[in-house]
Amino acid sequence: MEFTVLGGLGGIGFVLVGVVINAVYLRSGLPLPTSGKGLDATTDSYNGIADALKKPSVLVPLTWLCLTLFAAGLLSVLWRGNGDQGAWALVGFAGVLLQNATFTCVEALRFSMATAARHGRGEMAGLWGMSNVLFGFNQAFLAMALLGFTAAGVSAGLVPVWQAGLGYVSAALLLLSALAAPYNVEGGNRLGLAGLIGWLGWITWIVAYSVSLLLR
């Protein structure tokens, strides 16, 4: 199997598994940084879902693997292009690796908060604040991936105009939301909607790029 095909399958796999995991999280009542819940309500929620977090989280490492394969597939096509194409592709690849590392911390913090909520609430405020800010800052890495791989793809003729527009707009929205992360320590980010729209654009962009890899 050519690596570009593997990368295309990885991108689609990332979106499918990621959507399923997030749907299960939301159904179980996982508090999100944009939910606007107070600390007491957040603590009660984590206390109630401590065991429910485990099953969907088993699949989370698979999303990081799929996303890395997708990014590596793009890099294998784009990084040797003319001019600045390869540099932009490396920016995109770096963004994917950084988002994987950051979201590993976010996932681990969720289990820390579940443990703190169950056995003692003294540490909950600090853990919740750290998780919220990490979640927000992570959007900057998504923006980096979108910007780098979109610019490189446009240079290579691999990205159509509509996808380029989607990539740049989604990157701008995610970066805007990331800039507000320091003000989201307690949750309820007012720019959370911008981040959500940017994230939906991100997964749509991934599917489109994955199809392009599969059809090469």
Protein backbone atom coordinates (compact mmCIF):
# COMPACT_ATOMS: atom_id res chain seq x y z
CA MET A 1 0.00 0.00 0.00
CA GLU A 2 1.38 3.42 -0.95
CA PHE A 3 1.92 5.72 1.99
CA THR A 4 -0.33 8.40 0.50
CA VAL A 5 -3.21 5.91 0.59
CA LEU A 6 -2.36 5.10 4.20
CA GLY A 7 -2.33 8.81 4.96
CA GLY A 8 -5.74 9.30 3.34
CA LEU A 9 -7.20 6.41 5.33
CA GLY A 10 -5.58 7.82 8.46
CA GLY A 11 -7.24 11.19 7.96
CA ILE A 12 -10.69 9.70 7.45
CA GLY A 13 -10.12 7.32 10.36
CA PHE A 14 -9.17 10.24 12.60
CA VAL A 15 -12.38 12.10 11.81
CA LEU A 16 -14.64 9.05 12.20
CA VAL A 17 -13.11 7.86 15.48
CA GLY A 18 -12.83 11.40 16.83
CA VAL A 19 -16.48 12.20 16.16
CA VAL A 20 -17.59 8.96 17.83
CA ILE A 21 -15.41 9.60 20.90
CA ASN A 22 -16.64 13.17 21.30
CA ALA A 23 -20.26 12.07 20.89
CA VAL A 24 -19.80 9.51 23.68
CA TYR A 25 -18.07 12.11 25.88
CA LEU A 26 -20.91 14.57 25.42
CA ARG A 27 -23.54 11.93 26.08
CA SER A 28 -21.78 10.88 29.28
CA GLY A 29 -21.82 14.48 30.52
CA LEU A 30 -18.13 15.38 30.20
CA PRO A 31 -17.75 19.10 31.06
CA LEU A 32 -16.12 21.06 28.26
CA PRO A 33 -14.03 24.22 28.73
CA THR A 34 -16.71 26.17 26.89
CA SER A 35 -19.61 24.81 28.95
CA GLY A 36 -19.64 27.70 31.42
CA LYS A 37 -20.18 25.40 34.39
CA GLY A 38 -18.95 26.55 37.76
CA LEU A 39 -16.30 24.63 39.67
CA ASP A 40 -18.81 22.86 41.94
CA ALA A 41 -20.96 21.70 39.01
CA THR A 42 -17.84 20.60 37.11
CA THR A 43 -16.59 18.65 40.12
CA ASP A 44 -19.94 16.89 40.50
CA SER A 45 -19.92 16.01 36.80
CA TYR A 46 -16.43 14.50 36.96
CA ASN A 47 -17.35 12.58 40.09
CA GLY A 48 -20.27 11.04 38.22
CA ILE A 49 -18.42 10.10 35.03
CA ALA A 50 -15.10 8.84 36.41
CA ASP A 51 -15.73 5.28 35.21
CA ALA A 52 -17.56 6.32 32.03
CA LEU A 53 -14.45 8.14 30.79
CA LYS A 54 -12.44 4.94 30.47
CA LYS A 55 -14.23 3.17 27.62
CA PRO A 56 -14.15 5.95 24.98
CA SER A 57 -10.65 6.98 26.06
CA VAL A 58 -9.33 3.57 25.02
CA LEU A 59 -9.74 4.74 21.40
CA VAL A 60 -8.11 8.15 21.87
CA PRO A 61 -4.52 6.98 21.12
CA LEU A 62 -5.84 5.63 17.82
CA THR A 63 -6.83 9.15 16.80
CA TRP A 64 -3.30 10.40 17.38
CA LEU A 65 -1.90 7.56 15.28
CA CYS A 66 -4.37 8.22 12.47
CA LEU A 67 -3.72 11.96 12.49
CA THR A 68 0.05 11.44 12.40
CA LEU A 69 -0.28 9.07 9.44
CA PHE A 70 -2.44 11.65 7.67
CA ALA A 71 0.09 14.41 8.30
CA ALA A 72 3.01 12.21 7.24
CA GLY A 73 1.14 11.30 4.05
CA LEU A 74 0.73 14.99 3.24
CA LEU A 75 4.36 15.68 4.08
CA SER A 76 5.55 12.90 1.77
CA VAL A 77 3.73 14.62 -1.12
CA LEU A 78 4.41 18.25 -0.28
CA TRP A 79 7.76 18.79 1.39
CA ARG A 80 9.96 18.52 -1.71
CA GLY A 81 8.05 21.07 -3.75
CA ASN A 82 9.43 24.26 -5.25
CA GLY A 83 9.92 27.48 -3.33
CA ASP A 84 8.42 27.63 0.15
CA GLN A 85 6.10 24.64 -0.31
CA GLY A 86 8.24 22.27 1.75
CA ALA A 87 8.66 24.80 4.56
CA TRP A 88 4.89 25.31 4.82
CA ALA A 89 4.40 21.54 4.86
CA LEU A 90 6.82 21.27 7.79
CA VAL A 91 4.86 23.97 9.63
CA GLY A 92 1.71 21.88 9.16
CA PHE A 93 3.41 18.69 10.31
CA ALA A 94 4.77 20.43 13.40
CA GLY A 95 1.26 21.64 14.23
CA VAL A 96 -0.09 18.09 14.13
CA LEU A 97 2.67 16.74 16.36
CA LEU A 98 2.21 19.56 18.87
CA GLN A 99 -1.56 19.06 18.98
CA ASN A 100 -1.07 15.35 19.65
CA ALA A 101 1.31 16.11 22.53
CA THR A 102 -0.94 18.81 23.99
CA PHE A 103 -4.10 16.77 23.80
CA THR A 104 -2.33 13.86 25.47
CA CYS A 105 -1.98 16.19 28.47
CA VAL A 106 -5.64 17.24 28.22
CA GLU A 107 -6.80 13.61 28.23
CA ALA A 108 -4.56 12.75 31.18
CA LEU A 109 -5.85 15.76 33.10
CA ARG A 110 -9.42 14.56 32.65
CA PHE A 111 -8.57 11.41 34.59
CA SER A 112 -6.73 13.47 37.20
CA MET A 113 -9.84 15.61 37.66
CA ALA A 114 -12.05 12.55 37.91
CA THR A 115 -9.80 11.18 40.65
CA ALA A 116 -9.69 14.53 42.47
CA ALA A 117 -13.47 14.88 42.28
CA ARG A 118 -13.98 11.42 43.73
CA HIS A 119 -11.39 11.47 46.51
CA GLY A 120 -11.01 15.11 47.44
CA ARG A 121 -11.82 18.45 45.85
CA GLY A 122 -8.77 20.40 46.98
CA GLU A 123 -6.86 19.98 43.73
CA MET A 124 -9.83 20.31 41.39
CA ALA A 125 -9.65 24.06 40.74
CA GLY A 126 -6.03 23.97 39.59
CA LEU A 127 -6.52 20.89 37.41
CA TRP A 128 -9.66 22.31 35.79
CA GLY A 129 -7.94 25.61 35.05
CA MET A 130 -4.90 23.89 33.54
CA SER A 131 -7.10 21.66 31.40
CA ASN A 132 -9.11 24.63 30.11
CA VAL A 133 -6.05 26.66 29.15
CA LEU A 134 -4.31 23.68 27.50
CA PHE A 135 -7.49 22.93 25.56
CA GLY A 136 -7.58 26.54 24.37
CA PHE A 137 -3.91 26.80 23.47
CA ASN A 138 -4.15 23.53 21.54
CA GLN A 139 -6.29 25.31 18.96
CA ALA A 140 -3.20 27.30 17.94
CA PHE A 141 -1.57 24.05 16.84
CA LEU A 142 -4.64 23.10 14.80
CA ALA A 143 -4.40 26.53 13.18
CA MET A 144 -0.71 25.89 12.46
CA ALA A 145 -1.52 22.57 10.79
CA LEU A 146 -4.30 24.13 8.71
CA LEU A 147 -2.18 27.09 7.66
CA GLY A 148 0.93 25.10 6.77
CA PHE A 149 -0.70 22.26 4.88
CA THR A 150 -3.15 24.57 3.11
CA ALA A 151 -0.40 26.89 1.88
CA ALA A 152 1.72 23.94 0.76
CA GLY A 153 -1.26 22.26 -0.90
CA VAL A 154 -2.16 25.40 -2.83
CA SER A 155 1.42 25.65 -4.09
CA ALA A 156 1.31 22.00 -5.19
CA GLY A 157 -2.08 22.34 -6.88
CA LEU A 158 -3.50 19.75 -4.51
CA VAL A 159 -5.96 22.05 -2.73
CA PRO A 160 -8.90 23.62 -4.61
CA VAL A 161 -9.97 27.19 -3.94
CA TRP A 162 -12.91 26.26 -1.69
CA GLN A 163 -10.74 24.05 0.51
CA ALA A 164 -8.06 26.71 0.74
CA GLY A 165 -10.67 29.22 1.89
CA LEU A 166 -12.01 26.74 4.42
CA GLY A 167 -8.52 26.05 5.72
CA TYR A 168 -7.54 29.70 6.14
CA VAL A 169 -10.85 30.75 7.73
CA SER A 170 -10.84 27.78 10.11
CA ALA A 171 -7.23 28.53 11.06
CA ALA A 172 -8.13 32.15 11.82
CA LEU A 173 -11.10 31.14 13.98
CA LEU A 174 -9.07 28.57 15.92
CA LEU A 175 -6.23 31.01 16.48
CA LEU A 176 -8.68 33.66 17.67
CA SER A 177 -10.12 31.22 20.18
CA ALA A 178 -6.61 30.18 21.28
CA LEU A 179 -5.68 33.80 22.01
CA ALA A 180 -8.53 33.92 24.54
CA ALA A 181 -7.29 30.80 26.39
CA PRO A 182 -5.75 32.70 29.34
CA TYR A 183 -9.20 34.16 30.05
CA ASN A 184 -10.82 30.73 30.04
CA VAL A 185 -9.27 29.37 33.23
CA GLU A 186 -12.69 28.89 34.83
CA GLY A 187 -14.48 27.83 31.61
CA GLY A 188 -17.13 29.64 29.61
CA ASN A 189 -14.90 31.07 26.87
CA ARG A 190 -16.88 33.75 25.02
CA LEU A 191 -15.02 32.84 21.83
CA GLY A 192 -15.85 29.16 22.23
CA LEU A 193 -18.26 29.33 19.28
CA ALA A 194 -15.45 30.56 17.03
CA GLY A 195 -13.34 27.61 18.15
CA LEU A 196 -16.18 25.16 17.54
CA ILE A 197 -16.80 26.47 14.01
CA GLY A 198 -13.07 26.33 13.37
CA TRP A 199 -12.93 22.73 14.60
CA LEU A 200 -15.82 21.71 12.35
CA GLY A 201 -13.98 23.35 9.46
CA TRP A 202 -10.82 21.46 10.49
CA ILE A 203 -12.43 18.01 10.30
CA THR A 204 -14.14 18.88 6.99
CA TRP A 205 -10.80 20.05 5.63
CA ILE A 206 -9.17 16.77 6.75
CA VAL A 207 -11.78 14.68 4.93
CA ALA A 208 -11.31 16.70 1.74
CA TYR A 209 -7.52 16.41 1.91
CA SER A 210 -7.78 12.69 2.69
CA VAL A 211 -9.86 12.13 -0.44
CA SER A 212 -7.21 14.00 -2.45
CA LEU A 213 -4.53 11.64 -1.09
CA LEU A 214 -6.60 8.57 -1.88
CA LEU A 215 -7.21 9.72 -5.46
CA ARG A 216 -3.56 10.49 -6.26
